[in-house]
N, C-alpha and C. Protein backbone atom coordinates (compact mmCIF):
# COMPACT_ATOMS: atom_id res chain seq x y z
N MET A 1 0.83 -1.19 0.00
CA MET A 1 0.00 0.00 0.00
C MET A 1 0.87 1.25 0.00
N LYS A 2 1.99 1.21 0.74
CA LYS A 2 2.88 2.36 0.77
C LYS A 2 3.41 2.65 -0.63
N TYR A 3 3.70 1.61 -1.39
CA TYR A 3 4.25 1.78 -2.74
C TYR A 3 3.22 2.41 -3.68
N ILE A 4 1.98 1.98 -3.56
CA ILE A 4 0.92 2.55 -4.41
C ILE A 4 0.75 4.04 -4.11
N PHE A 5 0.78 4.38 -2.83
CA PHE A 5 0.66 5.78 -2.43
C PHE A 5 1.85 6.59 -2.96
N ALA A 6 3.05 6.05 -2.86
CA ALA A 6 4.25 6.73 -3.35
C ALA A 6 4.17 6.93 -4.86
N ILE A 7 3.70 5.91 -5.59
CA ILE A 7 3.57 6.02 -7.04
C ILE A 7 2.52 7.08 -7.39
N PHE A 8 1.41 7.11 -6.65
CA PHE A 8 0.37 8.10 -6.87
C PHE A 8 0.94 9.52 -6.69
N ILE A 9 1.67 9.73 -5.63
CA ILE A 9 2.26 11.05 -5.36
C ILE A 9 3.24 11.43 -6.48
N PHE A 10 4.06 10.47 -6.92
CA PHE A 10 5.02 10.71 -7.98
C PHE A 10 4.32 11.10 -9.28
N VAL A 11 3.30 10.35 -9.67
CA VAL A 11 2.57 10.62 -10.90
C VAL A 11 1.85 11.97 -10.81
N PHE A 12 1.24 12.26 -9.67
CA PHE A 12 0.56 13.54 -9.49
C PHE A 12 1.53 14.70 -9.66
N ASN A 13 2.71 14.59 -9.07
CA ASN A 13 3.70 15.67 -9.16
C ASN A 13 4.21 15.84 -10.58
N ILE A 14 4.38 14.75 -11.32
CA ILE A 14 4.81 14.86 -12.72
C ILE A 14 3.75 15.58 -13.53
N ASN A 15 2.48 15.19 -13.37
CA ASN A 15 1.40 15.85 -14.11
C ASN A 15 1.31 17.33 -13.75
N HIS A 16 1.49 17.63 -12.48
CA HIS A 16 1.44 19.01 -12.04
C HIS A 16 2.55 19.83 -12.70
N CYS A 17 3.75 19.28 -12.77
CA CYS A 17 4.86 19.97 -13.42
C CYS A 17 4.59 20.17 -14.90
N LEU A 18 4.04 19.17 -15.58
CA LEU A 18 3.74 19.29 -17.00
C LEU A 18 2.70 20.37 -17.24
N ALA A 19 1.69 20.43 -16.39
CA ALA A 19 0.67 21.47 -16.54
C ALA A 19 1.31 22.85 -16.35
N GLY A 20 2.20 22.97 -15.39
CA GLY A 20 2.90 24.23 -15.17
C GLY A 20 3.71 24.63 -16.38
N SER A 21 4.35 23.66 -17.01
CA SER A 21 5.16 23.93 -18.20
C SER A 21 4.28 24.42 -19.34
N SER A 22 3.12 23.82 -19.50
CA SER A 22 2.17 24.23 -20.54
C SER A 22 1.70 25.66 -20.29
N GLU A 23 1.36 25.97 -19.05
CA GLU A 23 0.94 27.33 -18.69
C GLU A 23 2.04 28.32 -19.01
N GLU A 24 3.26 27.95 -18.64
CA GLU A 24 4.38 28.84 -18.88
C GLU A 24 4.54 29.13 -20.37
N GLN A 25 4.39 28.11 -21.21
CA GLN A 25 4.50 28.31 -22.66
C GLN A 25 3.38 29.21 -23.17
N GLU A 26 2.17 29.02 -22.65
CA GLU A 26 1.04 29.86 -23.07
C GLU A 26 1.27 31.32 -22.67
N ILE A 27 1.80 31.53 -21.48
CA ILE A 27 2.06 32.89 -21.00
C ILE A 27 3.22 33.51 -21.78
N LYS A 28 4.23 32.71 -22.09
CA LYS A 28 5.34 33.21 -22.92
C LYS A 28 4.84 33.60 -24.31
N ALA A 29 3.82 32.92 -24.80
CA ALA A 29 3.23 33.29 -26.09
C ALA A 29 2.57 34.66 -25.99
N VAL A 30 1.96 34.98 -24.86
CA VAL A 30 1.37 36.31 -24.65
C VAL A 30 2.48 37.36 -24.69
N ILE A 31 3.58 37.08 -24.03
CA ILE A 31 4.72 38.01 -24.01
C ILE A 31 5.24 38.24 -25.44
N LYS A 32 5.40 37.17 -26.18
CA LYS A 32 5.90 37.27 -27.56
C LYS A 32 4.93 38.08 -28.43
N THR A 33 3.65 37.84 -28.27
CA THR A 33 2.65 38.58 -29.03
C THR A 33 2.69 40.06 -28.67
N PHE A 34 2.88 40.35 -27.40
CA PHE A 34 3.01 41.74 -26.93
C PHE A 34 4.16 42.42 -27.68
N GLU A 35 5.32 41.77 -27.69
CA GLU A 35 6.50 42.32 -28.38
C GLU A 35 6.22 42.51 -29.87
N GLU A 36 5.67 41.49 -30.51
CA GLU A 36 5.42 41.54 -31.96
C GLU A 36 4.40 42.61 -32.32
N SER A 37 3.36 42.77 -31.51
CA SER A 37 2.33 43.76 -31.83
C SER A 37 2.89 45.18 -31.73
N ILE A 38 3.85 45.40 -30.86
CA ILE A 38 4.51 46.72 -30.78
C ILE A 38 5.36 46.93 -32.02
N GLN A 39 6.18 45.96 -32.35
CA GLN A 39 7.05 46.08 -33.53
C GLN A 39 6.25 46.27 -34.82
N ASN A 40 5.14 45.57 -34.93
CA ASN A 40 4.32 45.63 -36.15
C ASN A 40 3.25 46.72 -36.10
N LYS A 41 3.19 47.45 -34.97
CA LYS A 41 2.20 48.50 -34.79
C LYS A 41 0.79 47.97 -35.06
N ASP A 42 0.52 46.79 -34.48
CA ASP A 42 -0.74 46.08 -34.71
C ASP A 42 -1.69 46.33 -33.54
N ARG A 43 -2.55 47.32 -33.69
CA ARG A 43 -3.50 47.72 -32.64
C ARG A 43 -4.40 46.57 -32.21
N GLU A 44 -5.02 45.90 -33.17
CA GLU A 44 -5.98 44.84 -32.87
C GLU A 44 -5.33 43.69 -32.10
N LEU A 45 -4.18 43.24 -32.57
CA LEU A 45 -3.47 42.15 -31.90
C LEU A 45 -3.07 42.55 -30.49
N PHE A 46 -2.58 43.79 -30.33
CA PHE A 46 -2.15 44.28 -29.02
C PHE A 46 -3.32 44.33 -28.05
N LEU A 47 -4.41 44.96 -28.47
CA LEU A 47 -5.56 45.13 -27.56
C LEU A 47 -6.24 43.81 -27.22
N ASP A 48 -6.11 42.82 -28.08
CA ASP A 48 -6.69 41.51 -27.81
C ASP A 48 -5.98 40.78 -26.65
N LEU A 49 -4.81 41.26 -26.26
CA LEU A 49 -4.06 40.64 -25.16
C LEU A 49 -4.65 40.99 -23.79
N PHE A 50 -5.55 41.98 -23.75
CA PHE A 50 -6.03 42.51 -22.47
C PHE A 50 -7.44 42.03 -22.15
N LEU A 51 -7.70 41.89 -20.85
CA LEU A 51 -8.99 41.42 -20.37
C LEU A 51 -10.12 42.33 -20.83
N ASP A 52 -9.92 43.63 -20.69
CA ASP A 52 -10.91 44.60 -21.17
C ASP A 52 -10.25 45.97 -21.28
N LYS A 53 -11.03 46.96 -21.70
CA LYS A 53 -10.50 48.31 -21.92
C LYS A 53 -10.06 49.00 -20.64
N GLY A 54 -10.62 48.60 -19.52
CA GLY A 54 -10.36 49.30 -18.27
C GLY A 54 -9.25 48.72 -17.41
N VAL A 55 -8.34 47.96 -18.00
CA VAL A 55 -7.29 47.37 -17.17
C VAL A 55 -6.39 48.47 -16.60
N SER A 56 -5.80 48.17 -15.47
CA SER A 56 -4.89 49.10 -14.81
C SER A 56 -3.57 49.18 -15.58
N TRP A 57 -3.07 50.40 -15.80
CA TRP A 57 -1.81 50.63 -16.52
C TRP A 57 -1.10 51.76 -15.78
N VAL A 58 -0.12 51.41 -14.93
CA VAL A 58 0.50 52.39 -14.05
C VAL A 58 2.02 52.33 -14.17
N GLY A 59 2.60 53.49 -14.46
CA GLY A 59 4.05 53.64 -14.46
C GLY A 59 4.47 54.46 -13.25
N VAL A 60 5.66 54.17 -12.73
CA VAL A 60 6.20 54.90 -11.59
C VAL A 60 7.57 55.43 -11.99
N PHE A 61 7.74 56.75 -11.94
CA PHE A 61 8.98 57.38 -12.35
C PHE A 61 10.09 57.18 -11.32
N SER A 62 11.31 57.03 -11.82
CA SER A 62 12.48 56.91 -10.95
C SER A 62 12.72 58.25 -10.24
N GLU A 63 13.56 58.22 -9.24
CA GLU A 63 13.89 59.43 -8.48
C GLU A 63 14.51 60.50 -9.40
N LYS A 64 15.39 60.07 -10.31
CA LYS A 64 16.04 61.01 -11.24
C LYS A 64 15.00 61.70 -12.12
N ILE A 65 14.09 60.94 -12.67
CA ILE A 65 13.05 61.52 -13.52
C ILE A 65 12.15 62.44 -12.71
N MET A 66 11.85 62.06 -11.49
CA MET A 66 11.00 62.91 -10.64
C MET A 66 11.65 64.26 -10.39
N GLU A 67 12.96 64.27 -10.15
CA GLU A 67 13.66 65.55 -9.96
C GLU A 67 13.51 66.42 -11.20
N GLU A 68 13.66 65.83 -12.38
CA GLU A 68 13.51 66.57 -13.63
C GLU A 68 12.07 67.06 -13.81
N ARG A 69 11.10 66.21 -13.47
CA ARG A 69 9.69 66.59 -13.59
C ARG A 69 9.35 67.76 -12.65
N ILE A 70 9.85 67.69 -11.43
CA ILE A 70 9.58 68.75 -10.44
C ILE A 70 10.16 70.08 -10.94
N THR A 71 11.38 70.05 -11.46
CA THR A 71 12.00 71.25 -11.99
C THR A 71 11.20 71.81 -13.15
N LEU A 72 10.79 70.96 -14.07
CA LEU A 72 10.01 71.39 -15.23
C LEU A 72 8.66 71.96 -14.80
N VAL A 73 7.98 71.31 -13.87
CA VAL A 73 6.67 71.78 -13.40
C VAL A 73 6.82 73.15 -12.71
N LYS A 74 7.89 73.32 -11.93
CA LYS A 74 8.12 74.63 -11.29
C LYS A 74 8.28 75.72 -12.34
N GLN A 75 9.01 75.42 -13.41
CA GLN A 75 9.21 76.40 -14.48
C GLN A 75 7.88 76.74 -15.16
N ILE A 76 7.09 75.73 -15.44
CA ILE A 76 5.78 75.94 -16.08
C ILE A 76 4.88 76.76 -15.16
N ASN A 77 4.83 76.38 -13.88
CA ASN A 77 3.99 77.10 -12.93
C ASN A 77 4.37 78.58 -12.85
N LYS A 78 5.68 78.85 -12.82
CA LYS A 78 6.14 80.23 -12.72
C LYS A 78 5.84 81.01 -14.00
N LYS A 79 6.14 80.40 -15.13
CA LYS A 79 5.96 81.06 -16.43
C LYS A 79 4.49 81.29 -16.76
N GLU A 80 3.65 80.30 -16.46
CA GLU A 80 2.24 80.37 -16.87
C GLU A 80 1.29 80.64 -15.69
N ASN A 81 1.86 80.97 -14.53
CA ASN A 81 1.07 81.27 -13.34
C ASN A 81 0.05 80.15 -13.04
N LYS A 82 0.57 78.93 -13.02
CA LYS A 82 -0.27 77.76 -12.75
C LYS A 82 0.14 77.12 -11.44
N ASN A 83 -0.60 76.12 -11.05
CA ASN A 83 -0.31 75.41 -9.81
C ASN A 83 -0.33 73.89 -10.06
N ILE A 84 0.42 73.46 -11.07
CA ILE A 84 0.49 72.04 -11.43
C ILE A 84 1.37 71.32 -10.40
N VAL A 85 1.01 70.10 -10.08
CA VAL A 85 1.79 69.29 -9.14
C VAL A 85 2.38 68.10 -9.88
N ALA A 86 3.69 67.91 -9.74
CA ALA A 86 4.36 66.75 -10.35
C ALA A 86 4.04 65.51 -9.53
N THR A 87 3.60 64.47 -10.20
CA THR A 87 3.30 63.21 -9.51
C THR A 87 4.31 62.14 -9.90
N ARG A 88 4.45 61.17 -9.06
CA ARG A 88 5.40 60.09 -9.31
C ARG A 88 4.81 59.02 -10.21
N LYS A 89 3.50 58.94 -10.24
CA LYS A 89 2.87 57.87 -11.04
C LYS A 89 2.42 58.41 -12.39
N PHE A 90 2.33 57.48 -13.31
CA PHE A 90 1.90 57.77 -14.67
C PHE A 90 0.76 56.81 -14.98
N LEU A 91 -0.45 57.33 -15.14
CA LEU A 91 -1.61 56.51 -15.44
C LEU A 91 -1.92 56.59 -16.92
N SER A 92 -2.17 55.45 -17.52
CA SER A 92 -2.48 55.41 -18.94
C SER A 92 -3.38 54.21 -19.22
N SER A 93 -3.34 53.74 -20.45
CA SER A 93 -4.14 52.58 -20.83
C SER A 93 -3.44 51.87 -21.98
N PRO A 94 -3.80 50.61 -22.22
CA PRO A 94 -3.24 49.92 -23.38
C PRO A 94 -3.57 50.66 -24.68
N GLN A 95 -4.76 51.23 -24.77
CA GLN A 95 -5.17 51.96 -25.98
C GLN A 95 -4.24 53.15 -26.23
N ASP A 96 -4.00 53.94 -25.18
CA ASP A 96 -3.13 55.11 -25.33
C ASP A 96 -1.71 54.69 -25.71
N PHE A 97 -1.24 53.60 -25.10
CA PHE A 97 0.12 53.13 -25.37
C PHE A 97 0.28 52.73 -26.84
N ILE A 98 -0.61 51.89 -27.33
CA ILE A 98 -0.47 51.42 -28.72
C ILE A 98 -0.72 52.56 -29.71
N GLU A 99 -1.61 53.49 -29.38
CA GLU A 99 -1.84 54.64 -30.27
C GLU A 99 -0.59 55.51 -30.37
N SER A 100 0.12 55.67 -29.25
CA SER A 100 1.36 56.48 -29.30
C SER A 100 2.41 55.79 -30.17
N ILE A 101 2.45 54.49 -30.14
CA ILE A 101 3.40 53.73 -30.96
C ILE A 101 3.02 53.84 -32.44
N ILE A 102 1.75 53.68 -32.74
CA ILE A 102 1.27 53.74 -34.13
C ILE A 102 1.52 55.13 -34.71
N SER A 103 1.35 56.17 -33.92
CA SER A 103 1.50 57.54 -34.42
C SER A 103 2.96 57.92 -34.68
N GLU A 104 3.89 57.21 -34.10
CA GLU A 104 5.32 57.49 -34.31
C GLU A 104 5.77 56.98 -35.67
N LYS A 105 6.58 57.77 -36.36
CA LYS A 105 7.13 57.32 -37.64
C LYS A 105 8.24 56.30 -37.42
N ALA A 106 9.02 56.50 -36.36
CA ALA A 106 10.13 55.60 -36.08
C ALA A 106 9.61 54.25 -35.60
N PRO A 107 10.31 53.18 -35.92
CA PRO A 107 9.90 51.86 -35.41
C PRO A 107 10.10 51.80 -33.89
N SER A 108 9.26 51.02 -33.23
CA SER A 108 9.35 50.83 -31.78
C SER A 108 9.53 49.36 -31.47
N ARG A 109 10.17 49.10 -30.35
CA ARG A 109 10.26 47.72 -29.88
C ARG A 109 10.48 47.75 -28.37
N GLU A 110 10.05 46.67 -27.74
CA GLU A 110 10.26 46.51 -26.30
C GLU A 110 10.91 45.15 -26.11
N GLU A 111 12.03 45.14 -25.39
CA GLU A 111 12.75 43.91 -25.13
C GLU A 111 12.59 43.52 -23.67
N PHE A 112 12.34 42.23 -23.44
CA PHE A 112 12.15 41.71 -22.09
C PHE A 112 13.30 40.79 -21.71
N SER A 113 13.69 40.81 -20.45
CA SER A 113 14.71 39.90 -19.94
C SER A 113 14.38 39.53 -18.49
N ASN A 114 15.06 38.52 -17.98
CA ASN A 114 14.86 38.06 -16.59
C ASN A 114 13.38 37.80 -16.29
N ILE A 115 12.71 37.10 -17.18
CA ILE A 115 11.28 36.84 -17.05
C ILE A 115 11.02 35.79 -15.97
N GLN A 116 10.11 36.12 -15.05
CA GLN A 116 9.69 35.21 -14.00
C GLN A 116 8.17 35.06 -14.08
N ILE A 117 7.71 33.81 -14.11
CA ILE A 117 6.27 33.54 -14.21
C ILE A 117 5.84 32.71 -13.01
N HIS A 118 4.78 33.16 -12.35
CA HIS A 118 4.19 32.42 -11.23
C HIS A 118 2.71 32.25 -11.54
N SER A 119 2.22 31.01 -11.45
CA SER A 119 0.82 30.75 -11.80
C SER A 119 0.26 29.59 -10.98
N ASP A 120 -1.04 29.65 -10.75
CA ASP A 120 -1.73 28.50 -10.14
C ASP A 120 -2.67 27.84 -11.16
N GLY A 121 -2.57 28.26 -12.42
CA GLY A 121 -3.43 27.71 -13.46
C GLY A 121 -4.65 28.57 -13.76
N ASN A 122 -4.95 29.51 -12.89
CA ASN A 122 -6.10 30.40 -13.09
C ASN A 122 -5.69 31.87 -13.14
N ILE A 123 -4.71 32.21 -12.32
CA ILE A 123 -4.15 33.56 -12.31
C ILE A 123 -2.64 33.43 -12.43
N ALA A 124 -2.00 34.48 -12.91
CA ALA A 124 -0.55 34.44 -13.04
C ALA A 124 0.02 35.84 -12.86
N THR A 125 1.27 35.87 -12.45
CA THR A 125 2.04 37.09 -12.36
C THR A 125 3.28 36.91 -13.22
N VAL A 126 3.56 37.90 -14.05
CA VAL A 126 4.78 37.90 -14.85
C VAL A 126 5.57 39.13 -14.42
N TYR A 127 6.84 38.90 -14.07
CA TYR A 127 7.72 39.99 -13.65
C TYR A 127 8.97 39.93 -14.51
N PHE A 128 9.42 41.07 -15.04
CA PHE A 128 10.58 41.06 -15.93
C PHE A 128 11.21 42.45 -15.98
N ASP A 129 12.39 42.50 -16.55
CA ASP A 129 13.03 43.77 -16.86
C ASP A 129 12.70 44.09 -18.31
N TYR A 130 12.55 45.37 -18.62
CA TYR A 130 12.23 45.75 -19.99
C TYR A 130 13.14 46.90 -20.43
N ALA A 131 13.25 47.04 -21.72
CA ALA A 131 13.88 48.21 -22.34
C ALA A 131 13.01 48.57 -23.54
N TYR A 132 12.62 49.84 -23.63
CA TYR A 132 11.77 50.30 -24.72
C TYR A 132 12.60 51.17 -25.66
N TYR A 133 12.55 50.83 -26.95
CA TYR A 133 13.33 51.52 -27.97
C TYR A 133 12.41 52.21 -28.97
N LYS A 134 12.78 53.43 -29.34
CA LYS A 134 12.15 54.14 -30.44
C LYS A 134 13.25 54.32 -31.47
N GLY A 135 13.07 53.74 -32.64
CA GLY A 135 14.17 53.67 -33.58
C GLY A 135 15.24 52.78 -32.97
N ASN A 136 16.46 53.22 -32.98
CA ASN A 136 17.54 52.44 -32.35
C ASN A 136 17.94 53.02 -31.00
N LYS A 137 17.19 53.99 -30.51
CA LYS A 137 17.53 54.66 -29.25
C LYS A 137 16.67 54.14 -28.10
N LYS A 138 17.35 53.73 -27.03
CA LYS A 138 16.63 53.30 -25.84
C LYS A 138 15.99 54.52 -25.20
N GLN A 139 14.67 54.50 -25.07
CA GLN A 139 13.92 55.61 -24.49
C GLN A 139 13.82 55.50 -22.98
N ASN A 140 13.48 54.31 -22.53
CA ASN A 140 13.34 54.09 -21.09
C ASN A 140 13.46 52.60 -20.79
N TRP A 141 13.64 52.30 -19.53
CA TRP A 141 13.78 50.91 -19.09
C TRP A 141 13.36 50.82 -17.63
N GLY A 142 13.25 49.60 -17.16
CA GLY A 142 12.89 49.38 -15.77
C GLY A 142 12.42 47.96 -15.56
N SER A 143 11.60 47.79 -14.56
CA SER A 143 10.98 46.50 -14.27
C SER A 143 9.49 46.63 -14.53
N GLU A 144 8.87 45.50 -14.87
CA GLU A 144 7.45 45.51 -15.22
C GLU A 144 6.79 44.28 -14.62
N SER A 145 5.56 44.45 -14.23
CA SER A 145 4.78 43.35 -13.67
C SER A 145 3.41 43.31 -14.32
N TRP A 146 3.01 42.12 -14.73
CA TRP A 146 1.67 41.92 -15.29
C TRP A 146 0.90 40.97 -14.38
N GLN A 147 -0.39 41.22 -14.24
CA GLN A 147 -1.32 40.28 -13.64
C GLN A 147 -2.13 39.72 -14.78
N LEU A 148 -2.22 38.39 -14.87
CA LEU A 148 -2.99 37.74 -15.93
C LEU A 148 -4.06 36.86 -15.32
N VAL A 149 -5.13 36.66 -16.09
CA VAL A 149 -6.18 35.73 -15.70
C VAL A 149 -6.46 34.80 -16.88
N LEU A 150 -6.81 33.57 -16.57
CA LEU A 150 -7.13 32.61 -17.62
C LEU A 150 -8.61 32.74 -17.95
N THR A 151 -8.91 33.02 -19.21
CA THR A 151 -10.29 33.15 -19.67
C THR A 151 -10.57 32.00 -20.64
N ILE A 152 -11.78 31.93 -21.14
CA ILE A 152 -12.08 30.89 -22.12
C ILE A 152 -11.36 31.15 -23.44
N LYS A 153 -10.85 32.36 -23.61
CA LYS A 153 -10.07 32.70 -24.81
C LYS A 153 -8.57 32.65 -24.55
N GLY A 154 -8.16 32.14 -23.40
CA GLY A 154 -6.74 32.06 -23.07
C GLY A 154 -6.35 33.10 -22.03
N TRP A 155 -5.04 33.25 -21.83
CA TRP A 155 -4.51 34.18 -20.84
C TRP A 155 -4.68 35.61 -21.32
N LYS A 156 -5.19 36.46 -20.41
CA LYS A 156 -5.39 37.88 -20.72
C LYS A 156 -4.73 38.73 -19.63
N ILE A 157 -4.13 39.85 -20.04
CA ILE A 157 -3.50 40.77 -19.10
C ILE A 157 -4.58 41.61 -18.44
N GLN A 158 -4.55 41.63 -17.11
CA GLN A 158 -5.57 42.35 -16.35
C GLN A 158 -5.00 43.59 -15.67
N ALA A 159 -3.67 43.67 -15.53
CA ALA A 159 -3.04 44.86 -14.93
C ALA A 159 -1.58 44.90 -15.34
N VAL A 160 -1.08 46.13 -15.54
CA VAL A 160 0.32 46.36 -15.90
C VAL A 160 0.86 47.44 -14.97
N SER A 161 2.01 47.16 -14.33
CA SER A 161 2.71 48.14 -13.51
C SER A 161 4.17 48.13 -13.93
N PHE A 162 4.78 49.31 -14.01
CA PHE A 162 6.18 49.35 -14.45
C PHE A 162 6.90 50.56 -13.88
N SER A 163 8.21 50.41 -13.69
CA SER A 163 9.05 51.53 -13.29
C SER A 163 9.61 52.18 -14.55
N ILE A 164 9.92 53.46 -14.46
CA ILE A 164 10.40 54.21 -15.62
C ILE A 164 11.73 54.88 -15.28
N ASN A 165 12.77 54.46 -15.99
CA ASN A 165 14.10 55.04 -15.86
C ASN A 165 14.54 55.55 -17.24
N SER A 166 15.39 56.58 -17.27
CA SER A 166 15.95 57.03 -18.54
C SER A 166 17.27 57.74 -18.25
N ASP A 167 17.96 58.08 -19.34
CA ASP A 167 19.25 58.78 -19.19
C ASP A 167 19.06 60.21 -18.75
């Protein structure tokens, strides 16, 4: 009886690992499609990666960028007699992001590295480093995190958070 139980546990763990591997491949396909849709300026393909139009899309500026933003806002406030406040966060949407890429004449691409995927088969978190290029010039880089959910149409991105660094 002990042997049957041990074999059952062994087989269960193998199946669990295989399912995890399949999930990982499916999620990596989402990442690849994300990259390709940016390079090809494919609005429809890009937007199809997301759960819905209202997903969270939040960037957080580095300390260096914040110093530059504060200085710029002070200049604008003084020159135009305004009271604008520089914030550390950047709120946007997948629609705004892909539209900005499509409107640019220069080619765009985003490169991912150090990809980590955690999933229970229903929800997943993807964490990675990114570098965003416009033409051949790196515009910004940082770390990025996605929250994904498994739908009947496959894995969909439900939230995007990223840090923003630049030269």
